[in-house]
Amino acid sequence: MIFVRLLLVALLIVVVALGLAWLFTGNRKYLRSLGRVLRFSVVVGFVVALVFVVERLVLR
């Protein structure tokens, strides 16, 4: 569980850094990277949630 929390903190840091980079430079490549990071994190989040659900069902 601590691993998931560390990943969330890392994700938050990356999102804030890319958002600030885009705000300060106006370069849209940072915004595209931010979109990719968010899409990847949503997919990983669904996979992790699915693993937790399957684990709960199997260990019941």
PDB file of N, CA and C in Angstrom:
ATOM      1  N   MET A   1       0.818  -1.191   0.000  1.00  0.00           N
ATOM      2  CA  MET A   1       0.000   0.000   0.000  1.00  0.00           C
ATOM      3  C   MET A   1       0.864   1.257   0.000  1.00  0.00           C
ATOM      4  N   ILE A   2       2.014   1.177   0.656  1.00  0.00           N
ATOM      5  CA  ILE A   2       2.892   2.347   0.671  1.00  0.00           C
ATOM      6  C   ILE A   2       3.431   2.633  -0.728  1.00  0.00           C
ATOM      7  N   PHE A   3       3.589   1.571  -1.523  1.00  0.00           N
ATOM      8  CA  PHE A   3       4.062   1.743  -2.894  1.00  0.00           C
ATOM      9  C   PHE A   3       3.071   2.576  -3.708  1.00  0.00           C
ATOM     10  N   VAL A   4       1.797   2.315  -3.544  1.00  0.00           N
ATOM     11  CA  VAL A   4       0.765   3.065  -4.266  1.00  0.00           C
ATOM     12  C   VAL A   4       0.770   4.526  -3.824  1.00  0.00           C
ATOM     13  N   ARG A   5       0.943   4.760  -2.546  1.00  0.00           N
ATOM     14  CA  ARG A   5       0.995   6.145  -2.050  1.00  0.00           C
ATOM     15  C   ARG A   5       2.212   6.885  -2.593  1.00  0.00           C
ATOM     16  N   LEU A   6       3.347   6.206  -2.661  1.00  0.00           N
ATOM     17  CA  LEU A   6       4.544   6.834  -3.223  1.00  0.00           C
ATOM     18  C   LEU A   6       4.351   7.149  -4.704  1.00  0.00           C
ATOM     19  N   LEU A   7       3.690   6.256  -5.421  1.00  0.00           N
ATOM     20  CA  LEU A   7       3.399   6.532  -6.824  1.00  0.00           C
ATOM     21  C   LEU A   7       2.467   7.730  -6.979  1.00  0.00           C
ATOM     22  N   LEU A   8       1.496   7.858  -6.090  1.00  0.00           N
ATOM     23  CA  LEU A   8       0.592   9.014  -6.143  1.00  0.00           C
ATOM     24  C   LEU A   8       1.332  10.324  -5.875  1.00  0.00           C
ATOM     25  N   VAL A   9       2.253  10.299  -4.935  1.00  0.00           N
ATOM     26  CA  VAL A   9       3.046  11.499  -4.648  1.00  0.00           C
ATOM     27  C   VAL A   9       3.925  11.847  -5.847  1.00  0.00           C
ATOM     28  N   ALA A  10       4.552  10.835  -6.451  1.00  0.00           N
ATOM     29  CA  ALA A  10       5.379  11.077  -7.634  1.00  0.00           C
ATOM     30  C   ALA A  10       4.535  11.621  -8.779  1.00  0.00           C
ATOM     31  N   LEU A  11       3.340  11.081  -8.954  1.00  0.00           N
ATOM     32  CA  LEU A  11       2.439  11.566 -10.000  1.00  0.00           C
ATOM     33  C   LEU A  11       2.060  13.021  -9.759  1.00  0.00           C
ATOM     34  N   LEU A  12       1.756  13.362  -8.528  1.00  0.00           N
ATOM     35  CA  LEU A  12       1.399  14.737  -8.195  1.00  0.00           C
ATOM     36  C   LEU A  12       2.555  15.693  -8.489  1.00  0.00           C
ATOM     37  N   ILE A  13       3.768  15.294  -8.147  1.00  0.00           N
ATOM     38  CA  ILE A  13       4.939  16.134  -8.404  1.00  0.00           C
ATOM     39  C   ILE A  13       5.136  16.340  -9.900  1.00  0.00           C
ATOM     40  N   VAL A  14       4.997  15.270 -10.682  1.00  0.00           N
ATOM     41  CA  VAL A  14       5.181  15.375 -12.133  1.00  0.00           C
ATOM     42  C   VAL A  14       4.101  16.255 -12.751  1.00  0.00           C
ATOM     43  N   VAL A  15       2.863  16.092 -12.317  1.00  0.00           N
ATOM     44  CA  VAL A  15       1.762  16.891 -12.872  1.00  0.00           C
ATOM     45  C   VAL A  15       1.965  18.369 -12.562  1.00  0.00           C
ATOM     46  N   VAL A  16       2.335  18.680 -11.347  1.00  0.00           N
ATOM     47  CA  VAL A  16       2.567  20.083 -10.975  1.00  0.00           C
ATOM     48  C   VAL A  16       3.752  20.650 -11.751  1.00  0.00           C
ATOM     49  N   ALA A  17       4.827  19.879 -11.876  1.00  0.00           N
ATOM     50  CA  ALA A  17       6.008  20.360 -12.598  1.00  0.00           C
ATOM     51  C   ALA A  17       5.688  20.616 -14.066  1.00  0.00           C
ATOM     52  N   LEU A  18       4.985  19.694 -14.705  1.00  0.00           N
ATOM     53  CA  LEU A  18       4.631  19.900 -16.110  1.00  0.00           C
ATOM     54  C   LEU A  18       3.651  21.055 -16.277  1.00  0.00           C
ATOM     55  N   GLY A  19       2.713  21.189 -15.353  1.00  0.00           N
ATOM     56  CA  GLY A  19       1.779  22.312 -15.420  1.00  0.00           C
ATOM     57  C   GLY A  19       2.482  23.651 -15.273  1.00  0.00           C
ATOM     58  N   LEU A  20       3.405  23.730 -14.334  1.00  0.00           N
ATOM     59  CA  LEU A  20       4.165  24.974 -14.154  1.00  0.00           C
ATOM     60  C   LEU A  20       5.071  25.257 -15.347  1.00  0.00           C
ATOM     61  N   ALA A  21       5.682  24.211 -15.898  1.00  0.00           N
ATOM     62  CA  ALA A  21       6.536  24.402 -17.075  1.00  0.00           C
ATOM     63  C   ALA A  21       5.717  24.943 -18.237  1.00  0.00           C
ATOM     64  N   TRP A  22       4.508  24.432 -18.403  1.00  0.00           N
ATOM     65  CA  TRP A  22       3.658  24.933 -19.475  1.00  0.00           C
ATOM     66  C   TRP A  22       3.231  26.376 -19.211  1.00  0.00           C
ATOM     67  N   LEU A  23       2.882  26.696 -17.965  1.00  0.00           N
ATOM     68  CA  LEU A  23       2.456  28.060 -17.651  1.00  0.00           C
ATOM     69  C   LEU A  23       3.572  29.072 -17.863  1.00  0.00           C
ATOM     70  N   PHE A  24       4.798  28.706 -17.481  1.00  0.00           N
ATOM     71  CA  PHE A  24       5.903  29.655 -17.592  1.00  0.00           C
ATOM     72  C   PHE A  24       6.421  29.800 -19.015  1.00  0.00           C
ATOM     73  N   THR A  25       6.429  28.704 -19.793  1.00  0.00           N
ATOM     74  CA  THR A  25       7.001  28.776 -21.135  1.00  0.00           C
ATOM     75  C   THR A  25       5.954  28.955 -22.224  1.00  0.00           C
ATOM     76  N   GLY A  26       4.752  28.458 -21.991  1.00  0.00           N
ATOM     77  CA  GLY A  26       3.732  28.507 -23.033  1.00  0.00           C
ATOM     78  C   GLY A  26       3.940  27.452 -24.103  1.00  0.00           C
ATOM     79  N   ASN A  27       4.924  26.586 -23.906  1.00  0.00           N
ATOM     80  CA  ASN A  27       5.228  25.541 -24.876  1.00  0.00           C
ATOM     81  C   ASN A  27       4.233  24.390 -24.701  1.00  0.00           C
ATOM     82  N   ARG A  28       3.546  24.042 -25.789  1.00  0.00           N
ATOM     83  CA  ARG A  28       2.483  23.040 -25.703  1.00  0.00           C
ATOM     84  C   ARG A  28       3.003  21.619 -25.548  1.00  0.00           C
ATOM     85  N   LYS A  29       4.306  21.399 -25.729  1.00  0.00           N
ATOM     86  CA  LYS A  29       4.833  20.040 -25.549  1.00  0.00           C
ATOM     87  C   LYS A  29       4.690  19.598 -24.096  1.00  0.00           C
ATOM     88  N   TYR A  30       4.758  20.545 -23.161  1.00  0.00           N
ATOM     89  CA  TYR A  30       4.566  20.199 -21.753  1.00  0.00           C
ATOM     90  C   TYR A  30       3.113  19.801 -21.487  1.00  0.00           C
ATOM     91  N   LEU A  31       2.199  20.455 -22.165  1.00  0.00           N
ATOM     92  CA  LEU A  31       0.784  20.132 -22.016  1.00  0.00           C
ATOM     93  C   LEU A  31       0.478  18.751 -22.601  1.00  0.00           C
ATOM     94  N   ARG A  32       1.105  18.429 -23.743  1.00  0.00           N
ATOM     95  CA  ARG A  32       0.931  17.093 -24.320  1.00  0.00           C
ATOM     96  C   ARG A  32       1.511  16.030 -23.404  1.00  0.00           C
ATOM     97  N   SER A  33       2.669  16.308 -22.831  1.00  0.00           N
ATOM     98  CA  SER A  33       3.270  15.355 -21.894  1.00  0.00           C
ATOM     99  C   SER A  33       2.391  15.176 -20.666  1.00  0.00           C
ATOM    100  N   LEU A  34       1.804  16.253 -20.206  1.00  0.00           N
ATOM    101  CA  LEU A  34       0.896  16.183 -19.061  1.00  0.00           C
ATOM    102  C   LEU A  34      -0.307  15.298 -19.382  1.00  0.00           C
ATOM    103  N   GLY A  35      -0.840  15.433 -20.565  1.00  0.00           N
ATOM    104  CA  GLY A  35      -1.960  14.589 -20.983  1.00  0.00           C
ATOM    105  C   GLY A  35      -1.583  13.121 -21.035  1.00  0.00           C
ATOM    106  N   ARG A  36      -0.390  12.845 -21.565  1.00  0.00           N
ATOM    107  CA  ARG A  36       0.071  11.448 -21.619  1.00  0.00           C
ATOM    108  C   ARG A  36       0.253  10.872 -20.228  1.00  0.00           C
ATOM    109  N   VAL A  37       0.843  11.654 -19.339  1.00  0.00           N
ATOM    110  CA  VAL A  37       1.061  11.188 -17.965  1.00  0.00           C
ATOM    111  C   VAL A  37      -0.275  10.904 -17.287  1.00  0.00           C
ATOM    112  N   LEU A  38      -1.243  11.785 -17.469  1.00  0.00           N
ATOM    113  CA  LEU A  38      -2.552  11.581 -16.845  1.00  0.00           C
ATOM    114  C   LEU A  38      -3.272  10.361 -17.417  1.00  0.00           C
ATOM    115  N   ARG A  39      -3.202  10.178 -18.749  1.00  0.00           N
ATOM    116  CA  ARG A  39      -3.832   8.991 -19.342  1.00  0.00           C
ATOM    117  C   ARG A  39      -3.173   7.715 -18.843  1.00  0.00           C
ATOM    118  N   PHE A  40      -1.846   7.706 -18.776  1.00  0.00           N
ATOM    119  CA  PHE A  40      -1.121   6.538 -18.284  1.00  0.00           C
ATOM    120  C   PHE A  40      -1.473   6.256 -16.829  1.00  0.00           C
ATOM    121  N   SER A  41      -1.583   7.307 -16.028  1.00  0.00           N
ATOM    122  CA  SER A  41      -1.897   7.107 -14.613  1.00  0.00           C
ATOM    123  C   SER A  41      -3.317   6.572 -14.423  1.00  0.00           C
ATOM    124  N   VAL A  42      -4.252   6.983 -15.270  1.00  0.00           N
ATOM    125  CA  VAL A  42      -5.612   6.448 -15.179  1.00  0.00           C
ATOM    126  C   VAL A  42      -5.618   4.960 -15.515  1.00  0.00           C
ATOM    127  N   VAL A  43      -4.895   4.571 -16.550  1.00  0.00           N
ATOM    128  CA  VAL A  43      -4.821   3.154 -16.924  1.00  0.00           C
ATOM    129  C   VAL A  43      -4.178   2.345 -15.809  1.00  0.00           C
ATOM    130  N   VAL A  44      -3.071   2.829 -15.272  1.00  0.00           N
ATOM    131  CA  VAL A  44      -2.400   2.119 -14.179  1.00  0.00           C
ATOM    132  C   VAL A  44      -3.304   2.061 -12.949  1.00  0.00           C
ATOM    133  N   GLY A  45      -4.029   3.120 -12.681  1.00  0.00           N
ATOM    134  CA  GLY A  45      -4.955   3.126 -11.555  1.00  0.00           C
ATOM    135  C   GLY A  45      -6.041   2.074 -11.699  1.00  0.00           C
ATOM    136  N   PHE A  46      -6.591   1.931 -12.912  1.00  0.00           N
ATOM    137  CA  PHE A  46      -7.597   0.896 -13.134  1.00  0.00           C
ATOM    138  C   PHE A  46      -7.013  -0.501 -12.960  1.00  0.00           C
ATOM    139  N   VAL A  47      -5.801  -0.705 -13.443  1.00  0.00           N
ATOM    140  CA  VAL A  47      -5.161  -2.017 -13.300  1.00  0.00           C
ATOM    141  C   VAL A  47      -4.918  -2.336 -11.830  1.00  0.00           C
ATOM    142  N   VAL A  48      -4.414  -1.377 -11.076  1.00  0.00           N
ATOM    143  CA  VAL A  48      -4.159  -1.597  -9.647  1.00  0.00           C
ATOM    144  C   VAL A  48      -5.469  -1.865  -8.911  1.00  0.00           C
ATOM    145  N   ALA A  49      -6.512  -1.115  -9.226  1.00  0.00           N
ATOM    146  CA  ALA A  49      -7.810  -1.342  -8.585  1.00  0.00           C
ATOM    147  C   ALA A  49      -8.349  -2.725  -8.930  1.00  0.00           C
ATOM    148  N   LEU A  50      -8.189  -3.146 -10.169  1.00  0.00           N
ATOM    149  CA  LEU A  50      -8.639  -4.472 -10.574  1.00  0.00           C
ATOM    150  C   LEU A  50      -7.868  -5.561  -9.840  1.00  0.00           C
ATOM    151  N   VAL A  51      -6.567  -5.376  -9.669  1.00  0.00           N
ATOM    152  CA  VAL A  51      -5.760  -6.346  -8.925  1.00  0.00           C
ATOM    153  C   VAL A  51      -6.231  -6.423  -7.479  1.00  0.00           C
ATOM    154  N   PHE A  52      -6.523  -5.290  -6.859  1.00  0.00           N
ATOM    155  CA  PHE A  52      -7.020  -5.296  -5.480  1.00  0.00           C
ATOM    156  C   PHE A  52      -8.361  -6.027  -5.375  1.00  0.00           C
ATOM    157  N   VAL A  53      -9.254  -5.795  -6.330  1.00  0.00           N
ATOM    158  CA  VAL A  53     -10.561  -6.457  -6.304  1.00  0.00           C
ATOM    159  C   VAL A  53     -10.400  -7.964  -6.479  1.00  0.00           C
ATOM    160  N   VAL A  54      -9.580  -8.377  -7.428  1.00  0.00           N
ATOM    161  CA  VAL A  54      -9.354  -9.807  -7.648  1.00  0.00           C
ATOM    162  C   VAL A  54      -8.712 -10.432  -6.419  1.00  0.00           C
ATOM    163  N   GLU A  55      -7.777  -9.735  -5.806  1.00  0.00           N
ATOM    164  CA  GLU A  55      -7.139 -10.251  -4.598  1.00  0.00           C
ATOM    165  C   GLU A  55      -8.165 -10.448  -3.483  1.00  0.00           C
ATOM    166  N   ARG A  56      -9.065  -9.501  -3.316  1.00  0.00           N
ATOM    167  CA  ARG A  56     -10.092  -9.620  -2.270  1.00  0.00           C
ATOM    168  C   ARG A  56     -11.034 -10.792  -2.551  1.00  0.00           C
ATOM    169  N   LEU A  57     -11.365 -10.998  -3.819  1.00  0.00           N
ATOM    170  CA  LEU A  57     -12.258 -12.096  -4.169  1.00  0.00           C
ATOM    171  C   LEU A  57     -11.587 -13.452  -3.997  1.00  0.00           C
ATOM    172  N   VAL A  58     -10.318 -13.546  -4.326  1.00  0.00           N
ATOM    173  CA  VAL A  58      -9.598 -14.816  -4.233  1.00  0.00           C
ATOM    174  C   VAL A  58      -9.313 -15.170  -2.779  1.00  0.00           C
ATOM    175  N   LEU A  59      -8.977 -14.200  -1.962  1.00  0.00           N
ATOM    176  CA  LEU A  59      -8.594 -14.467  -0.581  1.00  0.00           C
ATOM    177  C   LEU A  59      -9.784 -14.553   0.367  1.00  0.00           C
ATOM    178  N   ARG A  60     -10.966 -14.465  -0.129  1.00  0.00           N
ATOM    179  CA  ARG A  60     -12.165 -14.517   0.703  1.00  0.00           C
ATOM    180  C   ARG A  60     -12.391 -15.844   1.317  1.00  0.00           C
TER     181      ARG A  60
END
